[in-house]
Amino acid sequence: MSAKEAKKNSIIESALKLFSQNGFYNTTIPDIAKSMKMSVGNMYNYFSSKEELAKYAIKYSTNIIAKELREVNNMEISSKEKLFVFTHKYFENVKKSPEIVEYFLRVYLSNREVFAQGCEGFLCVGDFVTEVMILLDEGAQNKEFREQDFFPAFGMFMGALGGFAFLSGENVLEKDLLEYSDAIADNIYRALKHEEA
């Protein structure tokens, strides 16, 4: 990774934190520059606008999770086990970098107009969606999961993970997030499983 790439990534990481804490519209380029101890002019050498930075940030954050799911998909274990391993890894990410999920929930889903140009549909989260598709398809092919349309399965899968990440962020859970991991994975598995499994 070049020095410029590394700098770009650290700007994205700072922006993720500020966007998820303060919201997209309440965060300015000068705020992000200040958190990086950079000049505003220098910030524009990396990103031409706040909107461009927001788009890079959603790609960056979902690609981290996509990479983890790709590693799980490549494991020689059953689809059910993959589901449990990924749920655990997802929640570990939520604990380690809560801003990643917060950004997705509070900025990406709430300010769709910011992403209308260049991030339509799944364009900016495609790598992650592809890995979920692979997980669900493989599970259906080996008869562990039932055959169903992608969107209901994807919605149920991400609804459970995203919803629980949200509850964790709101500090309403009685136990540590990771203590719920197996129970959540089991609920997802029961919703996906093949009748004969």
N, C-alpha and C. Protein backbone atom coordinates (compact mmCIF):
# COMPACT_ATOMS: atom_id res chain seq x y z
N MET A 1 0.85 -1.19 0.00
CA MET A 1 0.00 0.00 0.00
C MET A 1 0.89 1.25 0.00
N SER A 2 0.59 2.17 -0.92
CA SER A 2 1.39 3.39 -1.01
C SER A 2 1.10 4.29 0.19
N ALA A 3 1.98 5.27 0.38
CA ALA A 3 1.79 6.22 1.49
C ALA A 3 0.48 7.00 1.29
N LYS A 4 0.18 7.31 0.02
CA LYS A 4 -1.05 8.06 -0.27
C LYS A 4 -2.28 7.20 0.08
N GLU A 5 -2.23 5.92 -0.29
CA GLU A 5 -3.35 5.01 0.03
C GLU A 5 -3.55 4.91 1.54
N ALA A 6 -2.43 4.77 2.26
CA ALA A 6 -2.49 4.64 3.72
C ALA A 6 -3.09 5.91 4.32
N LYS A 7 -2.68 7.06 3.81
CA LYS A 7 -3.20 8.34 4.31
C LYS A 7 -4.71 8.44 4.02
N LYS A 8 -5.08 8.02 2.80
CA LYS A 8 -6.50 8.04 2.39
C LYS A 8 -7.32 7.18 3.36
N ASN A 9 -6.80 6.00 3.68
CA ASN A 9 -7.52 5.10 4.60
C ASN A 9 -7.65 5.70 5.99
N SER A 10 -6.61 6.38 6.47
CA SER A 10 -6.73 6.96 7.81
C SER A 10 -7.70 8.14 7.81
N ILE A 11 -7.79 8.86 6.69
CA ILE A 11 -8.80 9.93 6.57
C ILE A 11 -10.20 9.29 6.62
N ILE A 12 -10.37 8.20 5.87
CA ILE A 12 -11.66 7.50 5.85
C ILE A 12 -12.03 7.03 7.26
N GLU A 13 -11.06 6.48 7.98
CA GLU A 13 -11.34 5.99 9.35
C GLU A 13 -11.77 7.14 10.27
N SER A 14 -11.11 8.28 10.15
CA SER A 14 -11.51 9.46 10.94
C SER A 14 -12.90 9.93 10.55
N ALA A 15 -13.16 9.97 9.25
CA ALA A 15 -14.46 10.42 8.75
C ALA A 15 -15.57 9.49 9.23
N LEU A 16 -15.31 8.18 9.19
CA LEU A 16 -16.30 7.20 9.66
C LEU A 16 -16.72 7.50 11.09
N LYS A 17 -15.72 7.75 11.93
CA LYS A 17 -16.02 8.04 13.35
C LYS A 17 -16.87 9.31 13.47
N LEU A 18 -16.44 10.37 12.78
CA LEU A 18 -17.16 11.65 12.90
C LEU A 18 -18.56 11.58 12.28
N PHE A 19 -18.66 10.98 11.10
CA PHE A 19 -19.97 10.85 10.46
C PHE A 19 -20.93 10.04 11.33
N SER A 20 -20.42 8.94 11.92
CA SER A 20 -21.33 8.09 12.69
C SER A 20 -21.70 8.73 14.02
N GLN A 21 -20.81 9.56 14.59
CA GLN A 21 -21.13 10.23 15.85
C GLN A 21 -22.04 11.44 15.64
N ASN A 22 -21.72 12.24 14.61
CA ASN A 22 -22.40 13.53 14.46
C ASN A 22 -23.39 13.60 13.30
N GLY A 23 -23.40 12.55 12.47
CA GLY A 23 -24.25 12.58 11.28
C GLY A 23 -23.52 13.19 10.10
N PHE A 24 -24.00 12.88 8.92
CA PHE A 24 -23.35 13.36 7.70
C PHE A 24 -23.39 14.88 7.60
N TYR A 25 -24.58 15.47 7.80
CA TYR A 25 -24.73 16.90 7.56
C TYR A 25 -24.09 17.76 8.64
N ASN A 26 -23.89 17.20 9.82
CA ASN A 26 -23.26 17.97 10.91
C ASN A 26 -21.75 17.82 10.93
N THR A 27 -21.21 17.06 10.01
CA THR A 27 -19.75 16.89 9.94
C THR A 27 -19.24 17.66 8.72
N THR A 28 -18.22 18.45 8.92
CA THR A 28 -17.67 19.23 7.81
C THR A 28 -16.27 18.72 7.45
N ILE A 29 -15.82 19.08 6.26
CA ILE A 29 -14.44 18.76 5.85
C ILE A 29 -13.44 19.38 6.85
N PRO A 30 -13.65 20.64 7.29
CA PRO A 30 -12.74 21.19 8.31
C PRO A 30 -12.72 20.35 9.61
N ASP A 31 -13.87 19.78 10.01
CA ASP A 31 -13.90 18.91 11.21
C ASP A 31 -12.99 17.70 11.00
N ILE A 32 -13.10 17.11 9.81
CA ILE A 32 -12.31 15.90 9.52
C ILE A 32 -10.83 16.27 9.43
N ALA A 33 -10.53 17.40 8.77
CA ALA A 33 -9.15 17.87 8.65
C ALA A 33 -8.55 18.10 10.04
N LYS A 34 -9.34 18.73 10.92
CA LYS A 34 -8.86 19.02 12.28
C LYS A 34 -8.55 17.72 13.03
N SER A 35 -9.42 16.72 12.88
CA SER A 35 -9.19 15.44 13.59
C SER A 35 -7.93 14.74 13.06
N MET A 36 -7.57 15.05 11.82
CA MET A 36 -6.38 14.46 11.19
C MET A 36 -5.13 15.35 11.36
N LYS A 37 -5.34 16.53 11.98
CA LYS A 37 -4.25 17.52 12.08
C LYS A 37 -3.69 17.85 10.68
N MET A 38 -4.63 18.03 9.76
CA MET A 38 -4.27 18.39 8.38
C MET A 38 -4.92 19.72 8.04
N SER A 39 -4.41 20.36 6.99
CA SER A 39 -5.09 21.58 6.52
C SER A 39 -6.27 21.16 5.64
N VAL A 40 -7.25 22.04 5.55
CA VAL A 40 -8.42 21.76 4.71
C VAL A 40 -7.98 21.59 3.25
N GLY A 41 -7.06 22.45 2.82
CA GLY A 41 -6.55 22.37 1.44
C GLY A 41 -5.93 21.01 1.15
N ASN A 42 -5.18 20.50 2.12
CA ASN A 42 -4.54 19.20 1.95
C ASN A 42 -5.58 18.08 1.86
N MET A 43 -6.68 18.21 2.62
CA MET A 43 -7.76 17.21 2.57
C MET A 43 -8.29 17.06 1.15
N TYR A 44 -8.40 18.22 0.46
CA TYR A 44 -8.95 18.19 -0.90
C TYR A 44 -8.00 17.54 -1.91
N ASN A 45 -6.75 17.32 -1.52
CA ASN A 45 -5.84 16.54 -2.38
C ASN A 45 -6.23 15.07 -2.40
N TYR A 46 -6.95 14.64 -1.37
CA TYR A 46 -7.34 13.23 -1.26
C TYR A 46 -8.78 12.98 -1.68
N PHE A 47 -9.67 13.90 -1.32
CA PHE A 47 -11.09 13.75 -1.66
C PHE A 47 -11.63 15.08 -2.15
N SER A 48 -12.33 15.07 -3.28
CA SER A 48 -12.79 16.32 -3.88
C SER A 48 -13.98 16.93 -3.13
N SER A 49 -14.71 16.09 -2.37
CA SER A 49 -15.88 16.60 -1.65
C SER A 49 -16.22 15.67 -0.49
N LYS A 50 -17.08 16.15 0.37
CA LYS A 50 -17.57 15.34 1.50
C LYS A 50 -18.36 14.14 0.97
N GLU A 51 -19.13 14.36 -0.12
CA GLU A 51 -19.92 13.28 -0.71
C GLU A 51 -19.01 12.17 -1.24
N GLU A 52 -17.92 12.57 -1.89
CA GLU A 52 -16.98 11.56 -2.41
C GLU A 52 -16.40 10.76 -1.25
N LEU A 53 -16.03 11.45 -0.19
CA LEU A 53 -15.48 10.79 1.00
C LEU A 53 -16.50 9.82 1.59
N ALA A 54 -17.77 10.23 1.64
CA ALA A 54 -18.83 9.37 2.18
C ALA A 54 -18.95 8.08 1.37
N LYS A 55 -18.82 8.18 0.05
CA LYS A 55 -18.92 6.99 -0.81
C LYS A 55 -17.72 6.07 -0.61
N TYR A 56 -16.54 6.65 -0.51
CA TYR A 56 -15.36 5.84 -0.24
C TYR A 56 -15.51 5.14 1.11
N ALA A 57 -16.08 5.85 2.07
CA ALA A 57 -16.21 5.30 3.42
C ALA A 57 -17.13 4.08 3.47
N ILE A 58 -18.21 4.09 2.67
CA ILE A 58 -19.11 2.93 2.70
C ILE A 58 -18.43 1.73 2.02
N LYS A 59 -17.69 2.00 0.94
CA LYS A 59 -16.96 0.91 0.28
C LYS A 59 -15.91 0.33 1.22
N TYR A 60 -15.16 1.22 1.85
CA TYR A 60 -14.08 0.82 2.75
C TYR A 60 -14.61 -0.03 3.90
N SER A 61 -15.69 0.45 4.54
CA SER A 61 -16.19 -0.24 5.72
C SER A 61 -16.84 -1.58 5.38
N THR A 62 -17.60 -1.62 4.28
CA THR A 62 -18.22 -2.91 3.94
C THR A 62 -17.20 -3.89 3.38
N ASN A 63 -16.13 -3.38 2.76
CA ASN A 63 -15.09 -4.29 2.25
C ASN A 63 -14.34 -4.99 3.37
N ILE A 64 -14.21 -4.33 4.53
CA ILE A 64 -13.57 -4.98 5.68
C ILE A 64 -14.39 -6.21 6.07
N ILE A 65 -15.71 -6.04 6.13
CA ILE A 65 -16.59 -7.14 6.52
C ILE A 65 -16.66 -8.18 5.39
N ALA A 66 -16.65 -7.72 4.14
CA ALA A 66 -16.67 -8.65 3.00
C ALA A 66 -15.45 -9.56 3.02
N LYS A 67 -14.29 -8.98 3.34
CA LYS A 67 -13.04 -9.76 3.39
C LYS A 67 -13.14 -10.86 4.45
N GLU A 68 -13.72 -10.52 5.60
CA GLU A 68 -13.88 -11.52 6.66
C GLU A 68 -14.83 -12.63 6.22
N LEU A 69 -15.93 -12.25 5.56
CA LEU A 69 -16.88 -13.25 5.11
C LEU A 69 -16.27 -14.13 4.01
N ARG A 70 -15.44 -13.52 3.16
CA ARG A 70 -14.75 -14.30 2.12
C ARG A 70 -13.88 -15.38 2.76
N GLU A 71 -13.18 -15.01 3.84
CA GLU A 71 -12.35 -16.00 4.55
C GLU A 71 -13.21 -17.12 5.12
N VAL A 72 -14.37 -16.77 5.66
CA VAL A 72 -15.29 -17.79 6.21
C VAL A 72 -15.81 -18.67 5.08
N ASN A 73 -16.19 -18.05 3.95
CA ASN A 73 -16.71 -18.82 2.81
C ASN A 73 -15.68 -19.81 2.28
N ASN A 74 -14.40 -19.50 2.44
CA ASN A 74 -13.34 -20.39 1.95
C ASN A 74 -12.99 -21.51 2.92
N MET A 75 -13.58 -21.50 4.11
CA MET A 75 -13.29 -22.55 5.09
C MET A 75 -13.97 -23.86 4.69
N GLU A 76 -13.32 -24.96 5.06
CA GLU A 76 -13.87 -26.29 4.75
C GLU A 76 -14.78 -26.74 5.89
N ILE A 77 -15.87 -26.02 6.08
CA ILE A 77 -16.82 -26.37 7.14
C ILE A 77 -18.24 -26.28 6.57
N SER A 78 -19.21 -26.77 7.29
CA SER A 78 -20.59 -26.75 6.79
C SER A 78 -21.10 -25.31 6.71
N SER A 79 -22.17 -25.12 5.93
CA SER A 79 -22.78 -23.79 5.80
C SER A 79 -23.31 -23.32 7.15
N LYS A 80 -23.82 -24.25 7.94
CA LYS A 80 -24.31 -23.89 9.27
C LYS A 80 -23.16 -23.34 10.11
N GLU A 81 -22.02 -24.04 10.09
CA GLU A 81 -20.85 -23.58 10.87
C GLU A 81 -20.37 -22.22 10.36
N LYS A 82 -20.39 -22.03 9.03
CA LYS A 82 -19.98 -20.74 8.45
C LYS A 82 -20.84 -19.61 9.01
N LEU A 83 -22.13 -19.88 9.11
CA LEU A 83 -23.07 -18.90 9.65
C LEU A 83 -22.69 -18.51 11.08
N PHE A 84 -22.34 -19.50 11.89
CA PHE A 84 -21.97 -19.25 13.29
C PHE A 84 -20.64 -18.49 13.37
N VAL A 85 -19.67 -18.90 12.55
CA VAL A 85 -18.35 -18.25 12.58
C VAL A 85 -18.49 -16.80 12.11
N PHE A 86 -19.25 -16.58 11.03
CA PHE A 86 -19.38 -15.22 10.51
C PHE A 86 -20.12 -14.31 11.49
N THR A 87 -21.18 -14.83 12.11
CA THR A 87 -21.93 -14.02 13.08
C THR A 87 -21.00 -13.56 14.19
N HIS A 88 -20.16 -14.46 14.67
CA HIS A 88 -19.21 -14.13 15.73
C HIS A 88 -18.23 -13.05 15.24
N LYS A 89 -17.69 -13.24 14.04
CA LYS A 89 -16.74 -12.26 13.49
C LYS A 89 -17.40 -10.90 13.28
N TYR A 90 -18.64 -10.91 12.82
CA TYR A 90 -19.38 -9.67 12.59
C TYR A 90 -19.53 -8.90 13.90
N PHE A 91 -19.92 -9.61 14.96
CA PHE A 91 -20.10 -8.96 16.25
C PHE A 91 -18.77 -8.51 16.85
N GLU A 92 -17.71 -9.26 16.57
CA GLU A 92 -16.37 -8.82 17.02
C GLU A 92 -16.03 -7.48 16.37
N ASN A 93 -16.35 -7.36 15.07
CA ASN A 93 -16.13 -6.10 14.35
C ASN A 93 -16.95 -4.97 14.94
N VAL A 94 -18.19 -5.27 15.30
CA VAL A 94 -19.07 -4.25 15.88
C VAL A 94 -18.47 -3.73 17.18
N LYS A 95 -17.90 -4.65 17.97
CA LYS A 95 -17.29 -4.24 19.25
C LYS A 95 -16.01 -3.45 19.02
N LYS A 96 -15.19 -3.94 18.09
CA LYS A 96 -13.88 -3.34 17.85
C LYS A 96 -14.01 -1.99 17.13
N SER A 97 -14.90 -1.93 16.11
CA SER A 97 -15.06 -0.71 15.32
C SER A 97 -16.55 -0.39 15.17
N PRO A 98 -17.19 0.04 16.27
CA PRO A 98 -18.64 0.27 16.19
C PRO A 98 -19.02 1.29 15.12
N GLU A 99 -18.06 2.18 14.79
CA GLU A 99 -18.39 3.22 13.80
C GLU A 99 -18.71 2.64 12.43
N ILE A 100 -18.18 1.44 12.13
CA ILE A 100 -18.44 0.83 10.82
C ILE A 100 -19.94 0.55 10.67
N VAL A 101 -20.52 -0.10 11.67
CA VAL A 101 -21.94 -0.43 11.60
C VAL A 101 -22.79 0.82 11.82
N GLU A 102 -22.35 1.67 12.73
CA GLU A 102 -23.08 2.93 12.98
C GLU A 102 -23.16 3.75 11.68
N TYR A 103 -22.06 3.79 10.96
CA TYR A 103 -22.02 4.55 9.72
C TYR A 103 -23.04 3.99 8.73
N PHE A 104 -23.05 2.66 8.62
CA PHE A 104 -23.98 2.00 7.71
C PHE A 104 -25.43 2.34 8.07
N LEU A 105 -25.75 2.22 9.36
CA LEU A 105 -27.13 2.45 9.82
C LEU A 105 -27.52 3.92 9.82
N ARG A 106 -26.63 4.76 10.34
CA ARG A 106 -27.00 6.16 10.57
C ARG A 106 -26.72 7.09 9.40
N VAL A 107 -25.80 6.71 8.53
CA VAL A 107 -25.48 7.60 7.40
C VAL A 107 -25.91 6.97 6.08
N TYR A 108 -25.38 5.79 5.77
CA TYR A 108 -25.66 5.17 4.47
C TYR A 108 -27.16 4.91 4.28
N LEU A 109 -27.82 4.33 5.27
CA LEU A 109 -29.24 4.02 5.12
C LEU A 109 -30.14 5.23 5.34
N SER A 110 -29.65 6.20 6.10
CA SER A 110 -30.50 7.36 6.46
C SER A 110 -30.36 8.54 5.49
N ASN A 111 -29.26 8.61 4.78
CA ASN A 111 -29.02 9.75 3.88
C ASN A 111 -28.83 9.24 2.45
N ARG A 112 -29.82 8.53 1.95
CA ARG A 112 -29.67 7.91 0.63
C ARG A 112 -29.36 8.92 -0.47
N GLU A 113 -29.84 10.15 -0.30
CA GLU A 113 -29.61 11.17 -1.34
C GLU A 113 -28.12 11.44 -1.55
N VAL A 114 -27.33 11.27 -0.50
CA VAL A 114 -25.88 11.51 -0.60
C VAL A 114 -25.24 10.48 -1.52
N PHE A 115 -25.82 9.27 -1.55
CA PHE A 115 -25.23 8.16 -2.29
C PHE A 115 -25.92 7.90 -3.63
N ALA A 116 -26.88 8.79 -3.98
CA ALA A 116 -27.70 8.55 -5.17
C ALA A 116 -26.86 8.48 -6.45
N GLN A 117 -25.83 9.30 -6.52
CA GLN A 117 -24.96 9.30 -7.70
C GLN A 117 -23.73 8.46 -7.43
N GLY A 118 -23.65 7.31 -8.09
CA GLY A 118 -22.45 6.48 -7.96
C GLY A 118 -22.55 5.36 -6.96
N CYS A 119 -23.55 5.37 -6.11
CA CYS A 119 -23.71 4.27 -5.14
C CYS A 119 -25.13 3.70 -5.21
N GLU A 120 -25.74 3.75 -6.41
CA GLU A 120 -27.10 3.24 -6.54
C GLU A 120 -27.14 1.75 -6.21
N GLY A 121 -28.30 1.35 -5.68
CA GLY A 121 -28.48 -0.07 -5.39
C GLY A 121 -27.36 -0.61 -4.52
N PHE A 122 -26.77 -1.70 -4.97
CA PHE A 122 -25.70 -2.34 -4.19
C PHE A 122 -24.31 -1.96 -4.69
N LEU A 123 -24.21 -0.92 -5.55
CA LEU A 123 -22.92 -0.61 -6.17
C LEU A 123 -21.77 -0.49 -5.17
N CYS A 124 -21.99 0.22 -4.06
CA CYS A 124 -20.89 0.48 -3.14
C CYS A 124 -20.75 -0.57 -2.04
N VAL A 125 -21.69 -1.50 -2.00
CA VAL A 125 -21.59 -2.57 -0.99
C VAL A 125 -21.56 -3.94 -1.66
N GLY A 126 -21.26 -3.92 -2.96
CA GLY A 126 -21.34 -5.13 -3.78
C GLY A 126 -20.50 -6.29 -3.32
N ASP A 127 -19.27 -6.02 -2.86
CA ASP A 127 -18.39 -7.13 -2.45
C ASP A 127 -19.00 -7.90 -1.29
N PHE A 128 -19.56 -7.16 -0.35
CA PHE A 128 -20.17 -7.80 0.81
C PHE A 128 -21.42 -8.59 0.40
N VAL A 129 -22.27 -7.97 -0.41
CA VAL A 129 -23.51 -8.63 -0.85
C VAL A 129 -23.18 -9.92 -1.60
N THR A 130 -22.13 -9.87 -2.43
CA THR A 130 -21.70 -11.06 -3.18
C THR A 130 -21.33 -12.19 -2.24
N GLU A 131 -20.59 -11.88 -1.18
CA GLU A 131 -20.17 -12.94 -0.24
C GLU A 131 -21.37 -13.53 0.51
N VAL A 132 -22.34 -12.69 0.85
CA VAL A 132 -23.56 -13.21 1.50
C VAL A 132 -24.30 -14.12 0.53
N MET A 133 -24.35 -13.70 -0.74
CA MET A 133 -25.01 -14.50 -1.78
C MET A 133 -24.34 -15.88 -1.89
N ILE A 134 -23.02 -15.90 -1.87
CA ILE A 134 -22.26 -17.16 -1.95
C ILE A 134 -22.61 -18.05 -0.77
N LEU A 135 -22.61 -17.47 0.43
CA LEU A 135 -22.93 -18.23 1.65
C LEU A 135 -24.33 -18.86 1.53
N LEU A 136 -25.31 -18.05 1.13
CA LEU A 136 -26.69 -18.53 1.04
C LEU A 136 -26.86 -19.55 -0.09
N ASP A 137 -26.22 -19.29 -1.23
CA ASP A 137 -26.32 -20.21 -2.38
C ASP A 137 -25.72 -21.58 -2.06
N GLU A 138 -24.52 -21.54 -1.47
CA GLU A 138 -23.87 -22.81 -1.12
C GLU A 138 -24.71 -23.61 -0.14
N GLY A 139 -25.27 -22.91 0.84
CA GLY A 139 -26.12 -23.57 1.83
C GLY A 139 -27.34 -24.23 1.19
N ALA A 140 -27.90 -23.55 0.17
CA ALA A 140 -29.07 -24.11 -0.54
C ALA A 140 -28.64 -25.28 -1.41
N GLN A 141 -27.48 -25.15 -2.06
CA GLN A 141 -27.00 -26.23 -2.94
C GLN A 141 -26.71 -27.51 -2.17
N ASN A 142 -26.14 -27.37 -0.97
CA ASN A 142 -25.83 -28.59 -0.21
C ASN A 142 -27.00 -28.99 0.71
N LYS A 143 -28.16 -28.42 0.44
CA LYS A 143 -29.42 -28.78 1.12
C LYS A 143 -29.41 -28.49 2.64
N GLU A 144 -28.51 -27.59 3.07
CA GLU A 144 -28.56 -27.18 4.48
C GLU A 144 -29.58 -26.06 4.65
N PHE A 145 -29.64 -25.16 3.66
CA PHE A 145 -30.61 -24.07 3.67
C PHE A 145 -31.66 -24.37 2.60
N ARG A 146 -32.87 -23.86 2.81
CA ARG A 146 -33.90 -24.10 1.80
C ARG A 146 -33.71 -23.13 0.64
N GLU A 147 -34.23 -23.54 -0.50
CA GLU A 147 -34.20 -22.66 -1.69
C GLU A 147 -35.17 -21.51 -1.44
N GLN A 148 -34.71 -20.29 -1.58
CA GLN A 148 -35.63 -19.15 -1.51
C GLN A 148 -35.02 -17.98 -2.25
N ASP A 149 -35.84 -16.99 -2.57
CA ASP A 149 -35.33 -15.81 -3.25
C ASP A 149 -34.25 -15.16 -2.39
N PHE A 150 -33.31 -14.51 -3.07
CA PHE A 150 -32.18 -13.92 -2.35
C PHE A 150 -32.62 -12.83 -1.37
N PHE A 151 -33.49 -11.92 -1.80
CA PHE A 151 -33.79 -10.76 -0.95
C PHE A 151 -34.44 -11.10 0.39
N PRO A 152 -35.42 -12.00 0.45
CA PRO A 152 -35.96 -12.35 1.78
C PRO A 152 -34.89 -12.97 2.68
N ALA A 153 -34.04 -13.83 2.09
CA ALA A 153 -32.97 -14.46 2.88
C ALA A 153 -31.95 -13.42 3.33
N PHE A 154 -31.55 -12.55 2.41
CA PHE A 154 -30.57 -11.51 2.71
C PHE A 154 -31.11 -10.54 3.77
N GLY A 155 -32.37 -10.16 3.60
CA GLY A 155 -33.00 -9.23 4.55
C GLY A 155 -33.07 -9.80 5.95
N MET A 156 -33.43 -11.08 6.02
CA MET A 156 -33.53 -11.73 7.33
C MET A 156 -32.14 -11.84 7.99
N PHE A 157 -31.16 -12.23 7.19
CA PHE A 157 -29.78 -12.40 7.65
C PHE A 157 -29.22 -11.06 8.15
N MET A 158 -29.31 -10.02 7.30
CA MET A 158 -28.75 -8.72 7.68
C MET A 158 -29.61 -8.01 8.72
N GLY A 159 -30.92 -8.26 8.68
CA GLY A 159 -31.81 -7.66 9.67
C GLY A 159 -31.43 -8.10 11.07
N ALA A 160 -31.15 -9.39 11.21
CA ALA A 160 -30.78 -9.93 12.52
C ALA A 160 -29.43 -9.35 12.97
N LEU A 161 -28.45 -9.34 12.08
CA LEU A 161 -27.11 -8.84 12.45
C LEU A 161 -27.13 -7.33 12.68
N GLY A 162 -27.73 -6.59 11.74
CA GLY A 162 -27.76 -5.14 11.86
C GLY A 162 -28.60 -4.68 13.04
N GLY A 163 -29.72 -5.36 13.25
CA GLY A 163 -30.61 -5.01 14.37
C GLY A 163 -29.92 -5.19 15.70
N PHE A 164 -29.19 -6.29 15.81
CA PHE A 164 -28.50 -6.55 17.08
C PHE A 164 -27.34 -5.59 17.28
N ALA A 165 -26.65 -5.24 16.19
CA ALA A 165 -25.57 -4.25 16.28
C ALA A 165 -26.15 -2.91 16.76
N PHE A 166 -27.33 -2.59 16.25
CA PHE A 166 -28.01 -1.35 16.65
C PHE A 166 -28.34 -1.38 18.15
N LEU A 167 -28.89 -2.51 18.62
CA LEU A 167 -29.22 -2.63 20.05
C LEU A 167 -27.97 -2.47 20.91
N SER A 168 -26.87 -3.05 20.43
CA SER A 168 -25.60 -2.93 21.16
C SER A 168 -25.18 -1.46 21.24
N GLY A 169 -25.29 -0.75 20.10
CA GLY A 169 -24.92 0.66 20.05
C GLY A 169 -25.78 1.53 20.96
N GLU A 170 -27.02 1.10 21.18
CA GLU A 170 -27.94 1.84 22.06
C GLU A 170 -27.75 1.47 23.53
N ASN A 171 -26.82 0.54 23.80
CA ASN A 171 -26.51 0.09 25.16
C ASN A 171 -27.72 -0.48 25.91
N VAL A 172 -28.55 -1.23 25.21
CA VAL A 172 -29.73 -1.81 25.88
C VAL A 172 -29.56 -3.30 26.20
N LEU A 173 -28.48 -3.90 25.69
CA LEU A 173 -28.29 -5.34 25.93
C LEU A 173 -27.85 -5.59 27.38
N GLU A 174 -28.35 -6.68 27.95
CA GLU A 174 -28.00 -7.00 29.34
C GLU A 174 -26.64 -7.66 29.45
N LYS A 175 -26.22 -8.37 28.37
CA LYS A 175 -24.93 -9.07 28.39
C LYS A 175 -24.04 -8.51 27.29
N ASP A 176 -22.80 -8.95 27.30
CA ASP A 176 -21.86 -8.57 26.25
C ASP A 176 -22.39 -9.07 24.90
N LEU A 177 -22.22 -8.27 23.87
CA LEU A 177 -22.71 -8.60 22.53
C LEU A 177 -22.31 -10.00 22.09
N LEU A 178 -21.05 -10.38 22.33
CA LEU A 178 -20.57 -11.68 21.85
C LEU A 178 -21.26 -12.86 22.54
N GLU A 179 -21.81 -12.61 23.73
CA GLU A 179 -22.54 -13.68 24.42
C GLU A 179 -23.83 -14.05 23.70
N TYR A 180 -24.31 -13.17 22.83
CA TYR A 180 -25.54 -13.43 22.08
C TYR A 180 -25.26 -14.07 20.72
N SER A 181 -23.98 -14.13 20.35
CA SER A 181 -23.61 -14.52 18.99
C SER A 181 -24.22 -15.87 18.57
N ASP A 182 -24.06 -16.91 19.39
CA ASP A 182 -24.56 -18.23 19.00
C ASP A 182 -26.08 -18.26 18.92
N ALA A 183 -26.74 -17.56 19.84
CA ALA A 183 -28.21 -17.54 19.82
C ALA A 183 -28.73 -16.84 18.57
N ILE A 184 -28.07 -15.75 18.17
CA ILE A 184 -28.48 -15.04 16.95
C ILE A 184 -28.22 -15.91 15.73
N ALA A 185 -27.03 -16.53 15.67
CA ALA A 185 -26.70 -17.41 14.54
C ALA A 185 -27.71 -18.56 14.47
N ASP A 186 -28.10 -19.08 15.61
CA ASP A 186 -29.06 -20.19 15.64
C ASP A 186 -30.42 -19.72 15.11
N ASN A 187 -30.83 -18.52 15.49
CA ASN A 187 -32.10 -17.97 14.97
C ASN A 187 -32.05 -17.80 13.46
N ILE A 188 -30.91 -17.30 12.95
CA ILE A 188 -30.76 -17.13 11.50
C ILE A 188 -30.80 -18.50 10.83
N TYR A 189 -30.08 -19.45 11.41
CA TYR A 189 -30.05 -20.80 10.83
C TYR A 189 -31.45 -21.42 10.79
N ARG A 190 -32.21 -21.27 11.86
CA ARG A 190 -33.57 -21.84 11.89
C ARG A 190 -34.45 -21.21 10.80
N ALA A 191 -34.23 -19.93 10.54
CA ALA A 191 -35.02 -19.25 9.51
C ALA A 191 -34.61 -19.67 8.09
N LEU A 192 -33.35 -20.09 7.94
CA LEU A 192 -32.83 -20.45 6.61
C LEU A 192 -32.87 -21.95 6.35
N LYS A 193 -32.92 -22.76 7.41
CA LYS A 193 -32.60 -24.17 7.23
C LYS A 193 -33.60 -24.93 6.35
N HIS A 194 -33.09 -25.92 5.71
CA HIS A 194 -33.88 -26.81 4.85
C HIS A 194 -34.76 -27.67 5.76
N GLU A 195 -35.95 -27.96 5.32
CA GLU A 195 -36.89 -28.73 6.15
C GLU A 195 -36.30 -30.05 6.62
N GLU A 196 -35.47 -30.67 5.77
CA GLU A 196 -34.92 -31.98 6.14
C GLU A 196 -33.69 -31.89 7.02
N ALA A 197 -33.10 -30.69 7.09
CA ALA A 197 -31.82 -30.56 7.84
C ALA A 197 -32.06 -30.68 9.33
